[in-house]
Amino acid sequence: MMAQLVTVADAQQRAGLAVKIKSAADSEALWALRLEWMHALAESQGVLLARQRMSDVSFMFAGMLDRAQHARTGLEVLRADAPRGMVRNAAQMRADH
């Protein structure tokens, strides 16, 4: 998570997240920071790359968290919280070009 922060353009946001990540007491605290971290990445790298990074990081938590408490994966969180209208179907993309 720290390695990806260098791509966040907003220095204040980057510094704030770095402090939160470094001071996370355990894997539960880091898990809770994933969404904020992903939103920061999406602003600088775009939603698709941020989703990939979120998926990569989510797999690192395998076996560290209570499964019942954290049943949703990173991608399910992104799909549920992603702003509508950002995903375009093939016909819409062809019409753009």
N, C-alpha and C. Protein backbone atom coordinates (compact mmCIF):
# COMPACT_ATOMS: atom_id res chain seq x y z
N MET A 1 0.83 -1.18 0.00
CA MET A 1 0.00 0.00 0.00
C MET A 1 0.88 1.25 0.00
N MET A 2 1.93 1.21 0.77
CA MET A 2 2.84 2.36 0.82
C MET A 2 3.52 2.60 -0.53
N ALA A 3 3.91 1.55 -1.20
CA ALA A 3 4.60 1.69 -2.48
C ALA A 3 3.72 2.39 -3.51
N GLN A 4 2.43 2.15 -3.47
CA GLN A 4 1.52 2.76 -4.44
C GLN A 4 1.20 4.22 -4.11
N LEU A 5 1.45 4.65 -2.89
CA LEU A 5 1.14 6.03 -2.50
C LEU A 5 1.96 7.06 -3.27
N VAL A 6 3.12 6.68 -3.77
CA VAL A 6 3.95 7.66 -4.48
C VAL A 6 3.25 8.19 -5.73
N THR A 7 2.26 7.48 -6.22
CA THR A 7 1.55 7.92 -7.43
C THR A 7 0.41 8.89 -7.12
N VAL A 8 0.07 9.08 -5.85
CA VAL A 8 -1.00 10.01 -5.48
C VAL A 8 -0.48 11.44 -5.62
N ALA A 9 -1.14 12.23 -6.44
CA ALA A 9 -0.68 13.58 -6.77
C ALA A 9 -0.82 14.56 -5.61
N ASP A 10 -1.88 14.47 -4.86
CA ASP A 10 -2.16 15.39 -3.75
C ASP A 10 -1.23 15.07 -2.58
N ALA A 11 -0.25 15.93 -2.33
CA ALA A 11 0.76 15.68 -1.31
C ALA A 11 0.15 15.57 0.08
N GLN A 12 -0.84 16.38 0.37
CA GLN A 12 -1.47 16.35 1.69
C GLN A 12 -2.22 15.02 1.89
N GLN A 13 -2.94 14.60 0.87
CA GLN A 13 -3.66 13.32 0.94
C GLN A 13 -2.68 12.17 1.07
N ARG A 14 -1.58 12.23 0.29
CA ARG A 14 -0.57 11.19 0.33
C ARG A 14 0.05 11.09 1.73
N ALA A 15 0.39 12.23 2.31
CA ALA A 15 1.01 12.23 3.63
C ALA A 15 0.05 11.72 4.70
N GLY A 16 -1.21 12.12 4.61
CA GLY A 16 -2.20 11.66 5.58
C GLY A 16 -2.40 10.17 5.53
N LEU A 17 -2.50 9.63 4.33
CA LEU A 17 -2.66 8.19 4.18
C LEU A 17 -1.41 7.44 4.64
N ALA A 18 -0.25 7.99 4.37
CA ALA A 18 0.99 7.34 4.79
C ALA A 18 1.04 7.22 6.31
N VAL A 19 0.64 8.26 7.01
CA VAL A 19 0.62 8.22 8.48
C VAL A 19 -0.37 7.17 8.97
N LYS A 20 -1.56 7.14 8.35
CA LYS A 20 -2.57 6.16 8.76
C LYS A 20 -2.09 4.73 8.52
N ILE A 21 -1.47 4.49 7.37
CA ILE A 21 -0.99 3.14 7.05
C ILE A 21 0.14 2.73 7.99
N LYS A 22 1.10 3.63 8.21
CA LYS A 22 2.22 3.30 9.09
C LYS A 22 1.79 3.08 10.53
N SER A 23 0.74 3.79 10.95
CA SER A 23 0.31 3.67 12.35
C SER A 23 -0.78 2.62 12.55
N ALA A 24 -1.15 1.92 11.50
CA ALA A 24 -2.16 0.86 11.63
C ALA A 24 -1.64 -0.20 12.60
N ALA A 25 -2.46 -0.52 13.58
CA ALA A 25 -2.03 -1.43 14.64
C ALA A 25 -1.98 -2.88 14.19
N ASP A 26 -2.84 -3.25 13.25
CA ASP A 26 -2.90 -4.65 12.84
C ASP A 26 -3.52 -4.76 11.45
N SER A 27 -3.71 -6.01 11.02
CA SER A 27 -4.27 -6.24 9.68
C SER A 27 -5.70 -5.73 9.57
N GLU A 28 -6.45 -5.75 10.67
CA GLU A 28 -7.82 -5.23 10.66
C GLU A 28 -7.82 -3.73 10.34
N ALA A 29 -6.90 -3.00 10.92
CA ALA A 29 -6.80 -1.56 10.69
C ALA A 29 -6.39 -1.28 9.24
N LEU A 30 -5.47 -2.05 8.72
CA LEU A 30 -5.07 -1.88 7.31
C LEU A 30 -6.22 -2.21 6.37
N TRP A 31 -6.96 -3.27 6.69
CA TRP A 31 -8.11 -3.65 5.87
C TRP A 31 -9.10 -2.49 5.80
N ALA A 32 -9.32 -1.83 6.90
CA ALA A 32 -10.27 -0.72 6.96
C ALA A 32 -9.79 0.48 6.13
N LEU A 33 -8.50 0.61 5.90
CA LEU A 33 -7.94 1.73 5.13
C LEU A 33 -7.96 1.49 3.62
N ARG A 34 -8.27 0.28 3.18
CA ARG A 34 -8.18 -0.04 1.75
C ARG A 34 -9.05 0.86 0.87
N LEU A 35 -10.27 1.15 1.29
CA LEU A 35 -11.17 1.93 0.45
C LEU A 35 -10.67 3.36 0.29
N GLU A 36 -10.23 3.97 1.37
CA GLU A 36 -9.68 5.33 1.30
C GLU A 36 -8.44 5.36 0.41
N TRP A 37 -7.60 4.33 0.56
CA TRP A 37 -6.39 4.20 -0.25
C TRP A 37 -6.73 4.04 -1.73
N MET A 38 -7.75 3.20 -2.01
CA MET A 38 -8.16 2.97 -3.40
C MET A 38 -8.71 4.25 -4.02
N HIS A 39 -9.49 5.02 -3.29
CA HIS A 39 -10.02 6.27 -3.83
C HIS A 39 -8.90 7.25 -4.17
N ALA A 40 -7.88 7.31 -3.33
CA ALA A 40 -6.73 8.18 -3.61
C ALA A 40 -6.02 7.73 -4.89
N LEU A 41 -5.84 6.43 -5.04
CA LEU A 41 -5.21 5.91 -6.26
C LEU A 41 -6.06 6.19 -7.49
N ALA A 42 -7.37 6.06 -7.36
CA ALA A 42 -8.27 6.28 -8.50
C ALA A 42 -8.18 7.71 -9.01
N GLU A 43 -8.00 8.66 -8.12
CA GLU A 43 -7.89 10.06 -8.53
C GLU A 43 -6.64 10.31 -9.36
N SER A 44 -5.58 9.58 -9.10
CA SER A 44 -4.33 9.83 -9.82
C SER A 44 -4.07 8.83 -10.95
N GLN A 45 -4.50 7.57 -10.79
CA GLN A 45 -4.19 6.54 -11.77
C GLN A 45 -5.39 6.10 -12.59
N GLY A 46 -6.57 6.47 -12.15
CA GLY A 46 -7.79 6.02 -12.82
C GLY A 46 -8.40 4.85 -12.08
N VAL A 47 -9.69 4.67 -12.29
CA VAL A 47 -10.45 3.66 -11.56
C VAL A 47 -10.00 2.24 -11.89
N LEU A 48 -9.74 1.96 -13.15
CA LEU A 48 -9.38 0.58 -13.52
C LEU A 48 -8.09 0.12 -12.87
N LEU A 49 -7.07 0.96 -12.90
CA LEU A 49 -5.80 0.59 -12.27
C LEU A 49 -5.95 0.53 -10.76
N ALA A 50 -6.73 1.44 -10.19
CA ALA A 50 -6.96 1.41 -8.74
C ALA A 50 -7.67 0.13 -8.34
N ARG A 51 -8.61 -0.33 -9.15
CA ARG A 51 -9.31 -1.59 -8.86
C ARG A 51 -8.33 -2.76 -8.89
N GLN A 52 -7.41 -2.75 -9.83
CA GLN A 52 -6.42 -3.82 -9.91
C GLN A 52 -5.53 -3.82 -8.67
N ARG A 53 -5.10 -2.63 -8.27
CA ARG A 53 -4.26 -2.53 -7.07
C ARG A 53 -5.02 -3.00 -5.83
N MET A 54 -6.32 -2.66 -5.76
CA MET A 54 -7.15 -3.07 -4.63
C MET A 54 -7.26 -4.59 -4.59
N SER A 55 -7.44 -5.20 -5.74
CA SER A 55 -7.53 -6.65 -5.82
C SER A 55 -6.21 -7.29 -5.37
N ASP A 56 -5.09 -6.74 -5.84
CA ASP A 56 -3.77 -7.25 -5.46
C ASP A 56 -3.57 -7.19 -3.95
N VAL A 57 -3.94 -6.07 -3.35
CA VAL A 57 -3.75 -5.89 -1.91
C VAL A 57 -4.71 -6.77 -1.11
N SER A 58 -5.94 -6.91 -1.61
CA SER A 58 -6.93 -7.71 -0.88
C SER A 58 -6.46 -9.16 -0.70
N PHE A 59 -5.79 -9.71 -1.70
CA PHE A 59 -5.30 -11.09 -1.60
C PHE A 59 -4.21 -11.23 -0.55
N MET A 60 -3.53 -10.16 -0.21
CA MET A 60 -2.48 -10.22 0.81
C MET A 60 -3.06 -10.45 2.21
N PHE A 61 -4.36 -10.22 2.36
CA PHE A 61 -4.99 -10.39 3.66
C PHE A 61 -5.54 -11.80 3.87
N ALA A 62 -5.34 -12.67 2.91
CA ALA A 62 -5.87 -14.04 3.01
C ALA A 62 -5.36 -14.72 4.28
N GLY A 63 -6.29 -15.24 5.06
CA GLY A 63 -5.94 -15.94 6.28
C GLY A 63 -5.66 -15.06 7.48
N MET A 64 -5.71 -13.74 7.31
CA MET A 64 -5.40 -12.83 8.41
C MET A 64 -6.63 -12.25 9.10
N LEU A 65 -7.78 -12.36 8.44
CA LEU A 65 -8.98 -11.71 8.95
C LEU A 65 -10.07 -12.72 9.24
N ASP A 66 -11.02 -12.34 10.06
CA ASP A 66 -12.19 -13.16 10.35
C ASP A 66 -13.07 -13.19 9.10
N ARG A 67 -13.24 -14.35 8.50
CA ARG A 67 -13.96 -14.48 7.24
C ARG A 67 -15.40 -13.97 7.33
N ALA A 68 -16.07 -14.25 8.42
CA ALA A 68 -17.46 -13.83 8.57
C ALA A 68 -17.58 -12.32 8.61
N GLN A 69 -16.63 -11.67 9.24
CA GLN A 69 -16.68 -10.22 9.37
C GLN A 69 -16.31 -9.52 8.06
N HIS A 70 -15.45 -10.13 7.27
CA HIS A 70 -14.95 -9.51 6.04
C HIS A 70 -15.31 -10.37 4.83
N ALA A 71 -16.56 -10.67 4.68
CA ALA A 71 -17.00 -11.58 3.62
C ALA A 71 -16.88 -10.99 2.23
N ARG A 72 -17.02 -9.66 2.10
CA ARG A 72 -16.94 -9.04 0.78
C ARG A 72 -15.49 -8.88 0.37
N THR A 73 -15.21 -9.12 -0.89
CA THR A 73 -13.85 -8.93 -1.40
C THR A 73 -13.67 -7.48 -1.80
N GLY A 74 -12.46 -7.10 -2.12
CA GLY A 74 -12.18 -5.74 -2.56
C GLY A 74 -12.96 -5.38 -3.80
N LEU A 75 -13.08 -6.29 -4.75
CA LEU A 75 -13.78 -5.98 -5.99
C LEU A 75 -15.27 -5.79 -5.76
N GLU A 76 -15.86 -6.54 -4.83
CA GLU A 76 -17.27 -6.35 -4.53
C GLU A 76 -17.50 -4.98 -3.91
N VAL A 77 -16.59 -4.53 -3.07
CA VAL A 77 -16.70 -3.21 -2.48
C VAL A 77 -16.65 -2.15 -3.58
N LEU A 78 -15.73 -2.31 -4.50
CA LEU A 78 -15.60 -1.34 -5.57
C LEU A 78 -16.83 -1.31 -6.46
N ARG A 79 -17.35 -2.47 -6.78
CA ARG A 79 -18.53 -2.51 -7.64
C ARG A 79 -19.72 -1.86 -6.96
N ALA A 80 -19.86 -2.06 -5.67
CA ALA A 80 -21.00 -1.51 -4.95
C ALA A 80 -20.86 -0.01 -4.76
N ASP A 81 -19.63 0.48 -4.59
CA ASP A 81 -19.42 1.89 -4.28
C ASP A 81 -18.99 2.73 -5.48
N ALA A 82 -18.77 2.11 -6.63
CA ALA A 82 -18.31 2.84 -7.80
C ALA A 82 -19.40 3.77 -8.30
N PRO A 83 -19.04 5.00 -8.65
CA PRO A 83 -20.04 5.92 -9.19
C PRO A 83 -20.65 5.37 -10.46
N ARG A 84 -21.93 5.54 -10.60
CA ARG A 84 -22.63 5.08 -11.79
C ARG A 84 -22.20 5.91 -13.00
N GLY A 85 -22.24 5.29 -14.18
CA GLY A 85 -21.91 6.00 -15.41
C GLY A 85 -20.45 5.91 -15.80
N MET A 86 -19.60 5.32 -14.96
CA MET A 86 -18.18 5.25 -15.27
C MET A 86 -17.87 4.04 -16.15
N VAL A 87 -18.71 3.03 -16.09
CA VAL A 87 -18.49 1.84 -16.89
C VAL A 87 -19.38 1.95 -18.13
N ARG A 88 -18.76 1.87 -19.28
CA ARG A 88 -19.50 2.03 -20.52
C ARG A 88 -19.54 0.69 -21.24
N ASN A 89 -20.65 0.43 -21.90
CA ASN A 89 -20.73 -0.82 -22.64
C ASN A 89 -20.07 -0.65 -24.00
N ALA A 90 -19.91 -1.73 -24.73
CA ALA A 90 -19.18 -1.70 -26.01
C ALA A 90 -19.83 -0.77 -27.01
N ALA A 91 -21.15 -0.74 -27.10
CA ALA A 91 -21.84 0.15 -28.06
C ALA A 91 -21.56 1.61 -27.76
N GLN A 92 -21.55 1.98 -26.49
CA GLN A 92 -21.26 3.35 -26.12
C GLN A 92 -19.83 3.73 -26.47
N MET A 93 -18.90 2.80 -26.26
CA MET A 93 -17.51 3.08 -26.57
C MET A 93 -17.31 3.24 -28.07
N ARG A 94 -17.98 2.41 -28.88
CA ARG A 94 -17.87 2.54 -30.34
C ARG A 94 -18.46 3.89 -30.80
N ALA A 95 -19.54 4.32 -30.19
CA ALA A 95 -20.17 5.59 -30.56
C ALA A 95 -19.26 6.78 -30.25
N ASP A 96 -18.38 6.62 -29.28
CA ASP A 96 -17.44 7.70 -28.91
C ASP A 96 -16.37 7.92 -29.96
N HIS A 97 -16.11 6.89 -30.78
CA HIS A 97 -14.98 6.98 -31.72
C HIS A 97 -15.45 7.15 -33.10
